[in-house]
Amino acid sequence: MKISRRTMLSRSFYMLIGSFFIPMNTTFATGRTKHLSKGLNLIHKVLSRPLDIGISHLDKCLSYKEVDMENHDGFKDYIGSLAMVFNGHHHGEDEILFPTFEKKIKDVDFSKLKKQHEELHPLIEQIKIRVDIDSPSIEDYQEIQSLLKETKALWIKHRDEEEQIVELDMEPILSTKEQIELSDRLSKHGQSMSEPANLILPFLIYNLEGSDRDEFTNDMPWILKKFVVPIIWKSKWEKMKPFLLA
């Protein structure tokens, strides 16, 4: 059966989205290496940068006591994409990653990380709701900034603790086969949590730079990363450009 180019691109996109936690690349064949922690580090960078950018943007607006209406639609898309990726990444951990290790490690306790998820997500949702208005006021911006700062403080603590647990306790016990199977499950999960593609994929790619971006996009078809995203989809994500590394 012949597969259309559109279908191939769609599958490639969903594989990349599924790598919210584990990058899909051929180096799995080399044996037990730090794929799990490297993938976690990459997506954590994608999630960390927007918090800094959002706070910086609002700092500037508040210093001038002026709402940036020219870039507000882009800011809405940017924060909305952050919320989508945040939710997708943590949902994959709660539903797939943590249960996988709870079955493998006796008496493992992820309650602290899960509790941190529960604390973070209402904040992210509140930020998204407060940004998603057509005519924000300076008071709205002040509230959003306060929520972003509160989220960042909780996020940094959660991020650092999780990365340490994954690298030191979780990663060493996975075989190559188990890594591939876990990656496949996360990939399928990512497919259900990744809309709209024309905002989420640019958000993921353009919040990374240099070798991090190269690694994250390593298995993407050339036509997707060099043509579809930067050219065909540009009109969809271009409003976010002031906040991206594009």
Protein backbone atom coordinates (compact mmCIF):
# COMPACT_ATOMS: atom_id res chain seq x y z
CA MET A 1 0.00 0.00 0.00
CA LYS A 2 1.39 3.37 -1.01
CA ILE A 3 1.69 5.89 1.82
CA SER A 4 1.07 9.52 0.96
CA ARG A 5 3.65 12.20 1.71
CA ARG A 6 1.16 13.86 4.05
CA THR A 7 0.79 10.63 6.03
CA MET A 8 4.55 10.17 6.23
CA LEU A 9 5.02 13.72 7.50
CA SER A 10 2.24 13.25 10.02
CA ARG A 11 3.84 10.06 11.35
CA SER A 12 7.22 11.73 11.59
CA PHE A 13 5.70 14.63 13.48
CA TYR A 14 3.99 12.38 15.98
CA MET A 15 7.17 10.40 16.54
CA LEU A 16 8.93 13.64 17.40
CA ILE A 17 6.13 14.78 19.66
CA GLY A 18 6.25 11.37 21.31
CA SER A 19 9.89 12.05 22.12
CA PHE A 20 8.79 14.60 24.73
CA PHE A 21 10.70 12.30 27.03
CA ILE A 22 13.00 10.14 24.92
CA PRO A 23 14.61 11.28 21.64
CA MET A 24 14.07 8.74 18.87
CA ASN A 25 17.44 7.95 17.36
CA THR A 26 19.48 5.04 16.12
CA THR A 27 22.00 5.17 18.95
CA PHE A 28 19.72 2.91 20.94
CA ALA A 29 21.60 0.12 19.17
CA THR A 30 24.83 1.02 20.93
CA GLY A 31 23.57 -0.32 24.28
CA ARG A 32 22.74 1.31 27.58
CA THR A 33 23.49 5.00 27.30
CA LYS A 34 21.89 8.13 28.68
CA HIS A 35 18.95 8.35 26.27
CA LEU A 36 16.41 8.69 29.03
CA SER A 37 18.14 11.50 30.89
CA LYS A 38 19.19 13.27 27.68
CA GLY A 39 15.63 13.25 26.38
CA LEU A 40 14.38 14.53 29.72
CA ASN A 41 16.98 17.29 29.70
CA LEU A 42 15.93 18.44 26.23
CA ILE A 43 12.24 18.68 26.96
CA HIS A 44 12.98 20.37 30.28
CA LYS A 45 14.90 23.03 28.36
CA VAL A 46 11.88 23.49 26.10
CA LEU A 47 9.70 23.99 29.17
CA SER A 48 12.15 26.18 31.11
CA ARG A 49 12.91 28.80 28.50
CA PRO A 50 9.30 30.03 27.99
CA LEU A 51 8.95 30.73 31.70
CA ASP A 52 12.02 32.97 31.55
CA ILE A 53 10.90 34.59 28.30
CA GLY A 54 7.39 35.21 29.62
CA ILE A 55 8.66 36.82 32.82
CA SER A 56 11.15 38.97 30.88
CA HIS A 57 8.48 40.09 28.40
CA LEU A 58 6.10 41.09 31.15
CA ASP A 59 8.89 42.81 33.11
CA LYS A 60 9.48 45.05 30.12
CA CYS A 61 5.78 45.79 29.63
CA LEU A 62 5.26 46.56 33.31
CA SER A 63 8.32 48.80 33.44
CA TYR A 64 6.71 50.94 30.71
CA LYS A 65 3.23 50.47 32.23
CA GLU A 66 2.01 49.49 28.79
CA VAL A 67 0.38 46.33 27.41
CA ASP A 68 2.11 45.00 24.28
CA MET A 69 -0.95 44.60 22.10
CA GLU A 70 1.16 44.27 18.95
CA ASN A 71 2.57 40.95 20.18
CA HIS A 72 -0.27 39.81 22.41
CA ASP A 73 -1.70 37.25 19.97
CA GLY A 74 1.74 35.72 19.63
CA PHE A 75 2.15 35.70 23.40
CA LYS A 76 -1.19 33.88 23.71
CA ASP A 77 -0.07 31.23 21.23
CA TYR A 78 3.30 30.91 22.97
CA ILE A 79 1.86 30.42 26.44
CA GLY A 80 -0.89 28.18 25.08
CA SER A 81 1.76 25.98 23.46
CA LEU A 82 3.70 25.92 26.72
CA ALA A 83 0.61 24.70 28.54
CA MET A 84 -0.02 22.00 25.94
CA VAL A 85 3.55 20.69 26.09
CA PHE A 86 3.61 20.90 29.89
CA ASN A 87 0.41 18.89 30.16
CA GLY A 88 1.46 16.34 27.54
CA HIS A 89 4.88 15.75 29.06
CA HIS A 90 3.65 15.31 32.62
CA HIS A 91 0.64 13.26 31.60
CA GLY A 92 3.01 10.87 29.84
CA GLU A 93 5.08 10.59 33.00
CA ASP A 94 2.06 10.00 35.24
CA GLU A 95 0.36 7.50 32.93
CA ILE A 96 3.34 5.66 31.42
CA LEU A 97 6.77 6.46 32.81
CA PHE A 98 6.14 6.30 36.56
CA PRO A 99 3.97 3.14 36.39
CA THR A 100 6.68 1.45 34.32
CA PHE A 101 9.25 1.95 37.05
CA GLU A 102 6.82 1.25 39.87
CA LYS A 103 6.53 -2.26 38.42
CA LYS A 104 10.29 -2.68 38.12
CA ILE A 105 11.58 -1.18 41.36
CA LYS A 106 10.40 -2.44 44.72
CA ASP A 107 9.14 0.27 47.07
CA VAL A 108 9.89 3.08 44.61
CA ASP A 109 8.08 6.26 45.60
CA PHE A 110 7.13 8.85 43.00
CA SER A 111 4.61 10.57 45.27
CA LYS A 112 6.76 13.69 45.60
CA LEU A 113 7.13 14.14 41.83
CA LYS A 114 3.43 13.44 41.31
CA LYS A 115 2.50 15.97 43.98
CA GLN A 116 4.69 18.54 42.25
CA HIS A 117 2.79 17.85 39.01
CA GLU A 118 -0.45 18.48 40.89
CA GLU A 119 0.89 21.81 42.17
CA LEU A 120 2.24 22.96 38.83
CA HIS A 121 -0.66 22.26 36.53
CA PRO A 122 -3.30 24.49 38.14
CA LEU A 123 -0.79 27.34 37.91
CA ILE A 124 -0.10 26.65 34.24
CA GLU A 125 -3.82 26.49 33.56
CA GLN A 126 -4.41 29.80 35.33
CA ILE A 127 -1.65 31.43 33.29
CA LYS A 128 -3.16 30.12 30.07
CA ILE A 129 -6.64 31.37 31.01
CA ARG A 130 -5.42 34.82 32.02
CA VAL A 131 -3.34 35.26 28.86
CA ASP A 132 -6.14 34.07 26.58
CA ILE A 133 -8.07 37.34 26.48
CA ASP A 134 -8.27 39.88 23.67
CA SER A 135 -7.67 43.08 25.63
CA PRO A 136 -5.49 42.50 28.70
CA SER A 137 -4.86 45.25 31.20
CA ILE A 138 -1.70 46.09 33.12
CA GLU A 139 -3.35 44.43 36.11
CA ASP A 140 -3.78 41.27 34.04
CA TYR A 141 -0.10 41.37 33.13
CA GLN A 142 0.86 41.80 36.77
CA GLU A 143 -1.18 38.74 37.74
CA ILE A 144 0.27 36.68 34.87
CA GLN A 145 3.78 37.68 35.86
CA SER A 146 3.15 36.68 39.47
CA LEU A 147 1.83 33.28 38.35
CA LEU A 148 4.80 32.75 36.04
CA LYS A 149 7.25 33.49 38.85
CA GLU A 150 5.45 31.14 41.21
CA THR A 151 5.43 28.45 38.53
CA LYS A 152 9.13 28.93 37.79
CA ALA A 153 10.10 28.51 41.45
CA LEU A 154 8.17 25.23 41.72
CA TRP A 155 9.30 24.08 38.28
CA ILE A 156 13.04 24.50 38.96
CA LYS A 157 12.77 22.40 42.10
CA HIS A 158 10.75 19.71 40.33
CA ARG A 159 12.99 19.70 37.24
CA ASP A 160 16.21 19.29 39.18
CA GLU A 161 14.88 16.55 41.44
CA GLU A 162 13.36 14.62 38.56
CA GLU A 163 16.50 14.76 36.43
CA GLN A 164 18.57 13.41 39.29
CA ILE A 165 16.16 10.55 40.00
CA VAL A 166 15.96 9.57 36.34
CA GLU A 167 19.72 9.61 35.75
CA LEU A 168 20.81 7.93 38.97
CA ASP A 169 17.95 5.57 39.83
CA MET A 170 15.75 4.89 36.80
CA GLU A 171 17.92 4.97 33.70
CA PRO A 172 20.52 2.36 34.73
CA ILE A 173 17.98 -0.44 35.11
CA LEU A 174 16.53 -0.24 31.57
CA SER A 175 17.76 -2.54 28.84
CA THR A 176 17.96 -1.36 25.24
CA LYS A 177 14.80 -3.31 24.41
CA GLU A 178 12.94 -1.74 27.32
CA GLN A 179 14.04 1.74 26.29
CA ILE A 180 12.70 1.17 22.77
CA GLU A 181 9.41 -0.20 24.07
CA LEU A 182 9.01 2.69 26.49
CA SER A 183 9.81 5.16 23.73
CA ASP A 184 7.15 3.61 21.50
CA ARG A 185 4.51 3.89 24.21
CA LEU A 186 5.38 7.51 24.87
CA SER A 187 5.32 8.22 21.15
CA LYS A 188 1.79 6.88 20.81
CA HIS A 189 0.75 8.86 23.87
CA GLY A 190 2.27 12.01 22.39
CA GLN A 191 0.13 11.61 19.29
CA SER A 192 -2.99 12.18 21.36
CA MET A 193 -1.60 15.26 23.12
CA SER A 194 -0.14 17.35 20.30
CA GLU A 195 -2.56 19.74 18.66
CA PRO A 196 -2.30 22.03 16.82
CA ALA A 197 0.80 20.61 15.14
CA ASN A 198 1.58 23.86 13.32
CA LEU A 199 2.09 25.61 16.67
CA ILE A 200 3.42 22.82 18.88
CA LEU A 201 6.19 21.62 16.59
CA PRO A 202 7.68 25.11 15.97
CA PHE A 203 7.38 25.76 19.71
CA LEU A 204 9.41 22.64 20.45
CA ILE A 205 12.06 23.23 17.80
CA TYR A 206 12.55 26.96 18.27
CA ASN A 207 12.87 26.91 22.03
CA LEU A 208 16.09 24.95 21.53
CA GLU A 209 19.26 26.08 19.83
CA GLY A 210 22.59 24.73 18.60
CA SER A 211 23.40 21.10 19.32
CA ASP A 212 20.21 20.67 21.37
CA ARG A 213 18.05 21.58 18.39
CA ASP A 214 20.15 19.38 16.11
CA GLU A 215 19.72 16.40 18.41
CA PHE A 216 16.01 16.97 18.93
CA THR A 217 15.35 17.16 15.18
CA ASN A 218 17.90 14.55 14.14
CA ASP A 219 15.36 11.98 12.92
CA MET A 220 12.94 14.41 11.33
CA PRO A 221 12.65 14.21 7.54
CA TRP A 222 14.46 17.07 5.85
CA ILE A 223 11.26 18.25 4.18
CA LEU A 224 9.53 18.63 7.54
CA LYS A 225 12.20 20.60 9.39
CA LYS A 226 13.51 22.61 6.43
CA PHE A 227 10.36 23.19 4.41
CA VAL A 228 7.07 22.40 6.13
CA VAL A 229 7.77 24.00 9.52
CA PRO A 230 9.75 27.11 8.48
CA ILE A 231 7.89 27.82 5.22
CA ILE A 232 4.53 26.09 4.81
CA TRP A 233 3.49 26.54 8.45
CA LYS A 234 5.17 29.88 9.01
CA SER A 235 1.96 31.90 8.71
CA LYS A 236 0.49 29.83 11.56
CA TRP A 237 3.31 30.28 14.07
CA GLU A 238 4.88 33.55 12.95
CA LYS A 239 3.10 35.56 15.63
CA MET A 240 5.14 33.63 18.20
CA LYS A 241 8.42 34.57 16.52
CA PRO A 242 9.34 37.42 18.94
CA PHE A 243 9.45 34.81 21.70
CA LEU A 244 11.23 32.01 19.81
CA LEU A 245 14.79 31.28 18.73
CA ALA A 246 13.65 31.29 15.10
